[in-house]
C-alpha atoms as a PDB file:
ATOM      1  CA  MET A   1      53.070  17.525 179.838  1.00  0.00           C
ATOM      2  CA  PRO A   2      50.364  20.000 178.683  1.00  0.00           C
ATOM      3  CA  LEU A   3      46.996  18.489 177.787  1.00  0.00           C
ATOM      4  CA  THR A   4      44.802  19.541 174.879  1.00  0.00           C
ATOM      5  CA  GLN A   5      41.060  18.863 174.899  1.00  0.00           C
ATOM      6  CA  LEU A   6      39.490  16.751 172.164  1.00  0.00           C
ATOM      7  CA  ARG A   7      35.782  17.448 171.821  1.00  0.00           C
ATOM      8  CA  SER A   8      32.742  16.037 170.085  1.00  0.00           C
ATOM      9  CA  GLY A   9      29.924  18.085 171.544  1.00  0.00           C
ATOM     10  CA  ASP A  10      30.638  17.733 175.272  1.00  0.00           C
ATOM     11  CA  LYS A  11      34.065  17.106 176.765  1.00  0.00           C
ATOM     12  CA  LEU A  12      35.121  13.613 175.730  1.00  0.00           C
ATOM     13  CA  PHE A  13      38.684  12.876 176.717  1.00  0.00           C
ATOM     14  CA  THR A  14      42.103  14.451 176.977  1.00  0.00           C
ATOM     15  CA  LYS A  15      45.068  13.832 174.765  1.00  0.00           C
ATOM     16  CA  THR A  16      48.767  14.615 175.033  1.00  0.00           C
ATOM     17  CA  GLN A  17      51.185  14.953 172.152  1.00  0.00           C
ATOM     18  CA  THR A  18      52.500  11.480 172.982  1.00  0.00           C
ATOM     19  CA  GLN A  19      49.023   9.959 172.503  1.00  0.00           C
ATOM     20  CA  GLU A  20      47.643   9.508 175.970  1.00  0.00           C
ATOM     21  CA  TYR A  21      43.842   9.269 176.097  1.00  0.00           C
ATOM     22  CA  THR A  22      41.756   9.645 179.245  1.00  0.00           C
ATOM     23  CA  ILE A  23      38.046   8.867 178.900  1.00  0.00           C
ATOM     24  CA  PRO A  24      35.737   9.831 181.794  1.00  0.00           C
ATOM     25  CA  VAL A  25      33.538   7.098 183.282  1.00  0.00           C
ATOM     26  CA  SER A  26      32.196   8.976 186.329  1.00  0.00           C
ATOM     27  CA  ASN A  27      33.157  11.861 188.599  1.00  0.00           C
ATOM     28  CA  LEU A  28      35.968   9.802 190.163  1.00  0.00           C
ATOM     29  CA  LEU A  29      36.647   7.072 187.577  1.00  0.00           C
ATOM     30  CA  SER A  30      38.129   7.134 184.090  1.00  0.00           C
ATOM     31  CA  LEU A  31      39.803   4.843 181.565  1.00  0.00           C
ATOM     32  CA  ARG A  32      43.242   5.614 180.141  1.00  0.00           C
ATOM     33  CA  LEU A  33      44.956   4.314 177.023  1.00  0.00           C
ATOM     34  CA  TYR A  34      48.458   4.897 175.676  1.00  0.00           C
ATOM     35  CA  SER A  35      49.772   4.370 172.159  1.00  0.00           C
ATOM     36  CA  ASP A  36      53.247   3.719 173.591  1.00  0.00           C
ATOM     37  CA  THR A  37      54.160   1.167 176.293  1.00  0.00           C
ATOM     38  CA  ARG A  38      53.355   3.238 179.388  1.00  0.00           C
ATOM     39  CA  PRO A  39      53.103   2.695 182.288  1.00  0.00           C
ATOM     40  CA  ARG A  40      56.520   1.049 182.201  1.00  0.00           C
ATOM     41  CA  TYR A  41      56.635  -1.252 185.219  1.00  0.00           C
ATOM     42  CA  HIS A  42      58.879  -4.252 185.872  1.00  0.00           C
ATOM     43  CA  HIS A  43      58.988  -7.124 183.366  1.00  0.00           C
ATOM     44  CA  ILE A  44      56.409  -5.769 180.929  1.00  0.00           C
ATOM     45  CA  ALA A  45      57.782  -2.227 180.697  1.00  0.00           C
ATOM     46  CA  ASP A  46      58.355  -2.589 176.933  1.00  0.00           C
ATOM     47  CA  LEU A  47      54.974  -4.137 176.126  1.00  0.00           C
ATOM     48  CA  GLN A  48      51.789  -2.420 174.999  1.00  0.00           C
ATOM     49  CA  LYS A  49      48.939  -2.041 177.492  1.00  0.00           C
ATOM     50  CA  GLY A  50      45.161  -1.974 177.135  1.00  0.00           C
ATOM     51  CA  LEU A  51      42.606   0.169 178.957  1.00  0.00           C
ATOM     52  CA  ILE A  52      43.768   1.219 182.426  1.00  0.00           C
ATOM     53  CA  LEU A  53      41.414   2.035 185.291  1.00  0.00           C
ATOM     54  CA  VAL A  54      42.041   5.417 186.908  1.00  0.00           C
ATOM     55  CA  HIS A  55      40.453   6.333 190.262  1.00  0.00           C
ATOM     56  CA  ARG A  56      40.844   9.802 191.785  1.00  0.00           C
ATOM     57  CA  GLU A  57      43.553  10.516 189.165  1.00  0.00           C
ATOM     58  CA  LYS A  58      45.569   7.436 190.193  1.00  0.00           C
ATOM     59  CA  GLU A  59      46.276   4.621 187.731  1.00  0.00           C
ATOM     60  CA  LEU A  60      45.306   1.265 189.251  1.00  0.00           C
ATOM     61  CA  VAL A  61      47.079  -1.041 186.775  1.00  0.00           C
ATOM     62  CA  GLY A  62      50.288  -1.916 188.682  1.00  0.00           C
ATOM     63  CA  GLU A  63      52.119  -4.460 186.495  1.00  0.00           C
ATOM     64  CA  GLY A  64      48.853  -5.568 184.930  1.00  0.00           C
ATOM     65  CA  THR A  65      48.400  -5.407 181.180  1.00  0.00           C
ATOM     66  CA  GLY A  66      45.170  -3.401 181.252  1.00  0.00           C
ATOM     67  CA  PHE A  67      41.931  -4.554 179.622  1.00  0.00           C
ATOM     68  CA  GLY A  68      41.845  -6.283 176.250  1.00  0.00           C
ATOM     69  CA  VAL A  69      45.480  -7.148 175.476  1.00  0.00           C
ATOM     70  CA  PRO A  70      46.237  -9.957 172.974  1.00  0.00           C
ATOM     71  CA  ILE A  71      49.053 -12.501 173.188  1.00  0.00           C
ATOM     72  CA  VAL A  72      49.488 -15.262 170.591  1.00  0.00           C
ATOM     73  CA  ARG A  73      51.398 -18.477 171.079  1.00  0.00           C
ATOM     74  CA  TYR A  74      52.845 -19.987 167.918  1.00  0.00           C
ATOM     75  CA  ARG A  75      54.489 -23.383 167.744  1.00  0.00           C
ATOM     76  CA  ASN A  76      58.006 -22.044 168.346  1.00  0.00           C
ATOM     77  CA  LYS A  77      57.504 -18.703 170.145  1.00  0.00           C
ATOM     78  CA  THR A  78      54.995 -16.567 172.012  1.00  0.00           C
ATOM     79  CA  TYR A  79      54.427 -13.131 170.534  1.00  0.00           C
ATOM     80  CA  PHE A  80      53.639  -9.952 172.451  1.00  0.00           C
ATOM     81  CA  SER A  81      52.973  -6.407 171.282  1.00  0.00           C
ATOM     82  CA  GLY A  82      55.536  -3.621 171.495  1.00  0.00           C
ATOM     83  CA  SER A  83      53.934  -1.098 169.132  1.00  0.00           C
ATOM     84  CA  SER A  84      50.469   0.029 168.150  1.00  0.00           C
ATOM     85  CA  THR A  85      48.207   2.574 166.496  1.00  0.00           C
ATOM     86  CA  VAL A  86      45.181   4.164 168.204  1.00  0.00           C
ATOM     87  CA  GLN A  87      42.020   5.823 166.888  1.00  0.00           C
ATOM     88  CA  VAL A  88      39.291   7.348 169.059  1.00  0.00           C
ATOM     89  CA  SER A  89      35.801   8.518 168.082  1.00  0.00           C
ATOM     90  CA  LYS A  90      32.508   9.417 169.781  1.00  0.00           C
ATOM     91  CA  LYS A  91      28.874   8.902 168.834  1.00  0.00           C
ATOM     92  CA  GLY A  92      26.274   9.990 171.332  1.00  0.00           C
ATOM     93  CA  SER A  93      27.164   8.630 174.778  1.00  0.00           C
ATOM     94  CA  GLU A  94      29.451   5.922 173.365  1.00  0.00           C
ATOM     95  CA  THR A  95      33.206   6.315 172.923  1.00  0.00           C
ATOM     96  CA  THR A  96      34.887   3.903 170.498  1.00  0.00           C
ATOM     97  CA  VAL A  97      38.603   3.199 170.694  1.00  0.00           C
ATOM     98  CA  LEU A  98      40.414   1.102 168.083  1.00  0.00           C
ATOM     99  CA  LYS A  99      43.875  -0.062 169.075  1.00  0.00           C
ATOM    100  CA  GLN A 100      45.879  -2.233 166.693  1.00  0.00           C
ATOM    101  CA  PHE A 101      48.461  -4.280 168.584  1.00  0.00           C
ATOM    102  CA  VAL A 102      51.474  -5.219 166.459  1.00  0.00           C
ATOM    103  CA  LEU A 103      52.842  -8.618 167.546  1.00  0.00           C
ATOM    104  CA  ASP A 104      56.527  -7.768 167.278  1.00  0.00           C
ATOM    105  CA  MET A 105      58.094  -8.811 170.607  1.00  0.00           C
ATOM    106  CA  ILE A 106      59.321 -12.081 172.107  1.00  0.00           C
ATOM    107  CA  SER A 107      60.875 -12.725 175.517  1.00  0.00           C
ATOM    108  CA  ARG A 108      64.529 -13.286 176.379  1.00  0.00           C
ATOM    109  CA  GLU A 109      66.458 -13.803 179.611  1.00  0.00           C
ATOM    110  CA  GLN A 110      69.727 -12.121 180.519  1.00  0.00           C
ATOM    111  CA  VAL A 111      72.319 -12.878 183.217  1.00  0.00           C
ATOM    112  CA  LYS A 112      74.021  -9.643 184.263  1.00  0.00           C
ATOM    113  CA  ARG A 113      73.082  -8.104 180.879  1.00  0.00           C
ATOM    114  CA  VAL A 114      74.506 -11.012 178.853  1.00  0.00           C
ATOM    115  CA  GLN A 115      71.853 -12.655 176.733  1.00  0.00           C
ATOM    116  CA  ILE A 116      71.650 -16.405 177.257  1.00  0.00           C
ATOM    117  CA  GLU A 117      70.258 -19.029 174.887  1.00  0.00           C
ATOM    118  CA  THR A 118      71.047 -22.301 176.615  1.00  0.00           C
ATOM    119  CA  GLU A 119      68.513 -25.067 177.114  1.00  0.00           C
ATOM    120  CA  ALA A 120      68.124 -23.980 180.738  1.00  0.00           C
ATOM    121  CA  ALA A 121      67.499 -20.403 179.614  1.00  0.00           C
ATOM    122  CA  ARG A 122      64.865 -21.523 177.135  1.00  0.00           C
ATOM    123  CA  LYS A 123      63.095 -23.473 179.872  1.00  0.00           C
ATOM    124  CA  LEU A 124      63.254 -20.450 182.160  1.00  0.00           C
ATOM    125  CA  ARG A 125      61.862 -18.221 179.407  1.00  0.00           C
ATOM    126  CA  THR A 126      59.014 -20.640 178.841  1.00  0.00           C
ATOM    127  CA  ARG A 127      58.141 -20.481 182.521  1.00  0.00           C
ATOM    128  CA  PHE A 128      58.180 -16.705 182.540  1.00  0.00           C
ATOM    129  CA  GLU A 129      55.948 -16.674 179.460  1.00  0.00           C
ATOM    130  CA  GLU A 130      53.511 -18.867 181.339  1.00  0.00           C
ATOM    131  CA  LEU A 131      53.042 -15.967 183.743  1.00  0.00           C
ATOM    132  CA  TYR A 132      51.120 -14.288 180.954  1.00  0.00           C
ATOM    133  CA  MET A 133      49.444 -17.486 179.802  1.00  0.00           C
ATOM    134  CA  ARG A 134      48.158 -18.388 183.283  1.00  0.00           C
ATOM    135  CA  HIS A 135      48.599 -22.155 183.145  1.00  0.00           C
ATOM    136  CA  LYS A 136      47.669 -23.748 186.445  1.00  0.00           C
ATOM    137  CA  HIS A 137      50.610 -26.147 186.622  1.00  0.00           C
ATOM    138  CA  TRP A 138      53.150 -23.272 186.843  1.00  0.00           C
ATOM    139  CA  ARG A 139      53.716 -21.537 190.174  1.00  0.00           C
ATOM    140  CA  LEU A 140      56.028 -18.611 189.512  1.00  0.00           C
ATOM    141  CA  LEU A 141      56.675 -16.889 192.821  1.00  0.00           C
ATOM    142  CA  PRO A 142      59.453 -19.277 193.952  1.00  0.00           C
ATOM    143  CA  LEU A 143      60.958 -19.075 190.464  1.00  0.00           C
ATOM    144  CA  ALA A 144      60.820 -15.285 190.602  1.00  0.00           C
ATOM    145  CA  ASN A 145      62.728 -15.227 193.890  1.00  0.00           C
ATOM    146  CA  LEU A 146      65.329 -17.637 192.529  1.00  0.00           C
ATOM    147  CA  SER A 147      65.790 -15.668 189.323  1.00  0.00           C
ATOM    148  CA  LYS A 148      66.180 -12.436 191.234  1.00  0.00           C
ATOM    149  CA  ASN A 149      68.836 -13.943 193.492  1.00  0.00           C
ATOM    150  CA  ILE A 150      70.964 -15.367 190.659  1.00  0.00           C
ATOM    151  CA  GLY A 151      70.711 -12.233 188.527  1.00  0.00           C
ATOM    152  CA  VAL A 152      68.479 -13.544 185.759  1.00  0.00           C
ATOM    153  CA  GLN A 153      66.435 -10.722 184.290  1.00  0.00           C
ATOM    154  CA  LYS A 154      63.597 -10.967 181.805  1.00  0.00           C
ATOM    155  CA  ASN A 155      63.407  -8.633 178.855  1.00  0.00           C
ATOM    156  CA  PHE A 156      61.635  -8.471 175.522  1.00  0.00           C
ATOM    157  CA  VAL A 157      63.284  -8.035 172.120  1.00  0.00           C
ATOM    158  CA  ARG A 158      61.762  -6.733 168.924  1.00  0.00           C
ATOM    159  CA  VAL A 159      61.443  -9.198 166.058  1.00  0.00           C
ATOM    160  CA  GLU A 160      59.772  -9.465 162.663  1.00  0.00           C
ATOM    161  CA  PRO A 161      56.026  -9.028 163.321  1.00  0.00           C
ATOM    162  CA  ARG A 162      53.612 -11.937 162.989  1.00  0.00           C
ATOM    163  CA  GLY A 163      50.763  -9.578 162.176  1.00  0.00           C
ATOM    164  CA  LYS A 164      48.330  -7.423 164.138  1.00  0.00           C
ATOM    165  CA  VAL A 165      45.333  -7.869 166.410  1.00  0.00           C
ATOM    166  CA  ALA A 166      42.713  -5.131 166.135  1.00  0.00           C
ATOM    167  CA  ILE A 167      40.963  -4.503 169.464  1.00  0.00           C
ATOM    168  CA  THR A 168      37.867  -2.286 169.482  1.00  0.00           C
ATOM    169  CA  TYR A 169      36.670  -0.944 172.840  1.00  0.00           C
ATOM    170  CA  GLN A 170      33.110   0.411 172.757  1.00  0.00           C
ATOM    171  CA  ILE A 171      32.767   2.355 176.005  1.00  0.00           C
ATOM    172  CA  GLU A 172      29.346   3.272 177.331  1.00  0.00           C
ATOM    173  CA  PRO A 173      29.627   3.245 181.143  1.00  0.00           C
ATOM    174  CA  PRO A 174      29.337   1.055 183.052  1.00  0.00           C
ATOM    175  CA  LEU A 175      30.063  -1.366 180.144  1.00  0.00           C
ATOM    176  CA  ILE A 176      33.024  -1.816 177.832  1.00  0.00           C
ATOM    177  CA  HIS A 177      32.281  -4.050 174.840  1.00  0.00           C
ATOM    178  CA  VAL A 178      35.521  -5.546 173.509  1.00  0.00           C
ATOM    179  CA  THR A 179      35.842  -6.940 169.981  1.00  0.00           C
ATOM    180  CA  ALA A 180      39.082  -8.679 169.006  1.00  0.00           C
ATOM    181  CA  ASN A 181      39.759  -9.262 165.324  1.00  0.00           C
ATOM    182  CA  PHE A 182      42.487 -11.792 164.480  1.00  0.00           C
ATOM    183  CA  ASN A 183      42.211 -11.645 160.674  1.00  0.00           C
ATOM    184  CA  LEU A 184      45.476  -9.713 160.339  1.00  0.00           C
ATOM    185  CA  LEU A 185      47.543 -12.460 161.997  1.00  0.00           C
ATOM    186  CA  GLU A 186      49.777 -14.947 160.255  1.00  0.00           C
ATOM    187  CA  ARG A 187      47.641 -18.042 160.779  1.00  0.00           C
ATOM    188  CA  GLY A 188      50.172 -20.849 160.343  1.00  0.00           C
ATOM    189  CA  SER A 189      51.250 -22.705 163.522  1.00  0.00           C
ATOM    190  CA  ILE A 190      49.087 -20.719 165.972  1.00  0.00           C
ATOM    191  CA  GLN A 191      48.500 -22.847 169.068  1.00  0.00           C
ATOM    192  CA  LYS A 192      46.553 -20.537 171.382  1.00  0.00           C
ATOM    193  CA  ILE A 193      45.325 -16.967 171.631  1.00  0.00           C
ATOM    194  CA  PHE A 194      44.968 -15.094 174.909  1.00  0.00           C
ATOM    195  CA  LEU A 195      43.129 -11.908 175.821  1.00  0.00           C
ATOM    196  CA  LEU A 196      44.308 -10.425 179.113  1.00  0.00           C
ATOM    197  CA  ASN A 197      42.192  -8.191 181.349  1.00  0.00           C
ATOM    198  CA  GLU A 198      44.330  -7.109 184.277  1.00  0.00           C
ATOM    199  CA  GLN A 199      44.860  -4.315 186.773  1.00  0.00           C
ATOM    200  CA  GLY A 200      47.049  -4.019 189.886  1.00  0.00           C
ATOM    201  CA  SER A 201      46.832  -6.556 192.721  1.00  0.00           C
ATOM    202  CA  LYS A 202      47.618  -3.937 195.378  1.00  0.00           C
ATOM    203  CA  TYR A 203      44.353  -2.181 194.636  1.00  0.00           C
ATOM    204  CA  PHE A 204      42.017  -5.039 193.757  1.00  0.00           C
ATOM    205  CA  THR A 205      42.156  -7.548 196.590  1.00  0.00           C
ATOM    206  CA  LYS A 206      38.657  -9.032 196.693  1.00  0.00           C
ATOM    207  CA  HIS A 207      37.053 -11.654 194.427  1.00  0.00           C
ATOM    208  CA  LEU A 208      33.375 -12.535 194.239  1.00  0.00           C
ATOM    209  CA  ASP A 209      31.313 -14.441 191.691  1.00  0.00           C
ATOM    210  CA  SER A 210      27.775 -15.435 190.759  1.00  0.00           C
ATOM    211  CA  ASN A 211      28.075 -18.595 192.897  1.00  0.00           C
ATOM    212  CA  GLY A 212      28.591 -16.476 196.012  1.00  0.00           C
ATOM    213  CA  VAL A 213      32.302 -17.278 196.399  1.00  0.00           C
ATOM    214  CA  VAL A 214      34.266 -14.535 198.167  1.00  0.00           C
ATOM    215  CA  LEU A 215      38.083 -14.655 198.233  1.00  0.00           C
ATOM    216  CA  LEU A 216      40.662 -12.200 199.578  1.00  0.00           C
ATOM    217  CA  ASP A 217      44.305 -11.626 198.590  1.00  0.00           C
ATOM    218  CA  GLU A 218      46.285 -14.887 198.405  1.00  0.00           C
ATOM    219  CA  GLN A 219      43.087 -16.968 198.465  1.00  0.00           C
ATOM    220  CA  ILE A 220      42.525 -15.943 194.850  1.00  0.00           C
ATOM    221  CA  GLY A 221      45.480 -18.024 193.605  1.00  0.00           C
ATOM    222  CA  ALA A 222      47.745 -17.709 190.568  1.00  0.00           C
ATOM    223  CA  TRP A 223      45.487 -19.565 188.160  1.00  0.00           C
ATOM    224  CA  GLU A 224      41.983 -20.913 188.580  1.00  0.00           C
ATOM    225  CA  LYS A 225      39.402 -21.660 185.929  1.00  0.00           C
ATOM    226  CA  VAL A 226      36.196 -19.664 186.416  1.00  0.00           C
ATOM    227  CA  GLU A 227      33.227 -22.038 186.730  1.00  0.00           C
ATOM    228  CA  SER A 228      30.615 -19.415 187.654  1.00  0.00           C
ATOM    229  CA  HIS A 229      28.564 -17.333 185.213  1.00  0.00           C
ATOM    230  CA  TRP A 230      30.574 -14.230 186.077  1.00  0.00           C
ATOM    231  CA  ALA A 231      33.492 -13.196 188.275  1.00  0.00           C
ATOM    232  CA  CYS A 232      34.452  -9.817 189.698  1.00  0.00           C
ATOM    233  CA  PHE A 233      37.492  -8.195 191.326  1.00  0.00           C
ATOM    234  CA  SER A 234      37.103  -5.120 193.500  1.00  0.00           C
ATOM    235  CA  THR A 235      38.818  -3.009 196.097  1.00  0.00           C
ATOM    236  CA  ARG A 236      38.284  -4.268 199.647  1.00  0.00           C
ATOM    237  CA  ASN A 237      35.504  -1.742 200.285  1.00  0.00           C
ATOM    238  CA  GLY A 238      33.842  -2.423 196.919  1.00  0.00           C
ATOM    239  CA  GLU A 239      34.259   1.167 195.750  1.00  0.00           C
ATOM    240  CA  VAL A 240      35.850   0.193 192.414  1.00  0.00           C
ATOM    241  CA  GLY A 241      35.930  -3.093 190.515  1.00  0.00           C
ATOM    242  CA  PHE A 242      35.485  -4.924 187.226  1.00  0.00           C
ATOM    243  CA  ARG A 243      33.316  -7.876 186.209  1.00  0.00           C
ATOM    244  CA  LEU A 244      33.628 -10.314 183.284  1.00  0.00           C
ATOM    245  CA  TRP A 245      31.434 -13.168 182.095  1.00  0.00           C
ATOM    246  CA  LYS A 246      32.077 -16.643 180.744  1.00  0.00           C
ATOM    247  CA  VAL A 247      31.820 -16.778 176.947  1.00  0.00           C
ATOM    248  CA  GLN A 248      31.082 -19.826 174.822  1.00  0.00           C
ATOM    249  CA  ASP A 249      34.120 -21.562 173.262  1.00  0.00           C
ATOM    250  CA  ALA A 250      36.576 -19.781 175.561  1.00  0.00           C
ATOM    251  CA  ILE A 251      38.187 -20.531 178.926  1.00  0.00           C
ATOM    252  CA  LEU A 252      37.921 -17.733 181.491  1.00  0.00           C
ATOM    253  CA  ALA A 253      40.466 -17.849 184.301  1.00  0.00           C
ATOM    254  CA  ARG A 254      41.122 -15.693 187.332  1.00  0.00           C
ATOM    255  CA  GLY A 255      44.548 -14.995 188.772  1.00  0.00           C
ATOM    256  CA  ARG A 256      46.560 -12.813 191.106  1.00  0.00           C
ATOM    257  CA  GLU A 257      50.266 -12.531 191.935  1.00  0.00           C
ATOM    258  CA  PHE A 258      52.101 -10.012 194.058  1.00  0.00           C
ATOM    259  CA  LEU A 259      55.813  -9.936 194.804  1.00  0.00           C
ATOM    260  CA  LYS A 260      57.278  -6.544 195.671  1.00  0.00           C
ATOM    261  CA  GLY A 261      59.379  -5.183 192.827  1.00  0.00           C
ATOM    262  CA  THR A 262      58.535  -8.131 190.550  1.00  0.00           C
ATOM    263  CA  PHE A 263      54.868  -9.088 190.105  1.00  0.00           C
ATOM    264  CA  ASP A 264      51.755  -6.996 190.702  1.00  0.00           C
ATOM    265  CA  TRP A 265      48.745  -8.114 188.627  1.00  0.00           C
ATOM    266  CA  ILE A 266      45.221  -9.390 189.093  1.00  0.00           C
ATOM    267  CA  GLY A 267      42.990 -10.346 186.219  1.00  0.00           C
ATOM    268  CA  LEU A 268      40.381 -12.321 184.355  1.00  0.00           C
ATOM    269  CA  ASP A 269      41.867 -13.698 181.134  1.00  0.00           C
ATOM    270  CA  TYR A 270      40.386 -15.577 178.181  1.00  0.00           C
ATOM    271  CA  GLU A 271      42.089 -18.501 176.456  1.00  0.00           C
ATOM    272  CA  LEU A 272      40.974 -19.188 172.865  1.00  0.00           C
ATOM    273  CA  GLY A 273      41.648 -21.893 170.320  1.00  0.00           C
ATOM    274  CA  PRO A 274      43.791 -21.250 167.217  1.00  0.00           C
ATOM    275  CA  GLU A 275      40.796 -21.256 164.860  1.00  0.00           C
ATOM    276  CA  LYS A 276      39.307 -18.044 166.262  1.00  0.00           C
ATOM    277  CA  THR A 277      39.154 -15.082 163.874  1.00  0.00           C
ATOM    278  CA  LYS A 278      36.931 -12.872 166.071  1.00  0.00           C
ATOM    279  CA  PHE A 279      35.992 -12.750 169.751  1.00  0.00           C
ATOM    280  CA  GLU A 280      33.668 -10.452 171.698  1.00  0.00           C
ATOM    281  CA  TYR A 281      33.052  -9.939 175.413  1.00  0.00           C
ATOM    282  CA  ASP A 282      31.927  -7.349 177.966  1.00  0.00           C
ATOM    283  CA  ILE A 283      33.617  -5.743 180.958  1.00  0.00           C
ATOM    284  CA  GLU A 284      31.519  -3.989 183.579  1.00  0.00           C
ATOM    285  CA  ILE A 285      33.145  -1.190 185.578  1.00  0.00           C
ATOM    286  CA  VAL A 286      31.745  -1.725 189.074  1.00  0.00           C
ATOM    287  CA  GLY A 287      31.222   1.403 191.129  1.00  0.00           C
ATOM    288  CA  SER A 288      30.884   3.821 188.214  1.00  0.00           C
ATOM    289  CA  GLN A 289      27.124   4.227 188.712  1.00  0.00           C
ATOM    290  CA  LYS A 290      27.495   5.126 192.419  1.00  0.00           C
ATOM    291  CA  GLN A 291      29.873   7.971 191.663  1.00  0.00           C
ATOM    292  CA  ARG A 292      28.058   9.680 188.809  1.00  0.00           C
END
């Protein structure tokens, strides 16, 4: 699709008619954001994504959600975003992106395209939702294999929205400052709020943290609480990566899962209490300074 240039002084980013934004970080790195649900991979094909890392013109998100994606668990259902609006502006060296995530999707399971709502199906749906919630007591890879074999497929259906979450990304490489505003949510019966920061596990295979812990591939695990001051995921050679820090009154957890054709994510996600109306944190793009 043809690209048109959007400018504010120097070249800022590119935009397509279907609202695709690419914001340069360095000569080889950029950040990409869509207003629709691209890239449409596997289980979360119909869900909105956050900022996606792009290296040498290749998107590195896999089945990850991207940076700064909200999910809200209410008492009876967990709500995801299937639609959004995006605004982009520039002031000096800083690019500001405002993406409003509409919480208008919930998960369902189907057996050979027939929707199922039995007690067993509800339990299965809960377990699949926990993939995005990252609770340590769920281990989903065996369940994924079983579901694939018996023909159970996960999908998301659009429902009456429970409000919006406004995410502001202030990008001034190598840092992204993320501000999440929850004031537009329906507040009743919220149990937990999650902010996901994920890319693809095929690309980011190395973990290191401020305590000196180094982990590779499966050593990272599906869910582990971060106890160090910061944690970072990178490519094996350290050329590209991303770092997040612990924030007061929030749980930061690391996770990785890869199963060909099913799961492909690695991330550092925050878990917040239901009382939160605003939350801020930073993401550092590792490797952007070397390549400038």
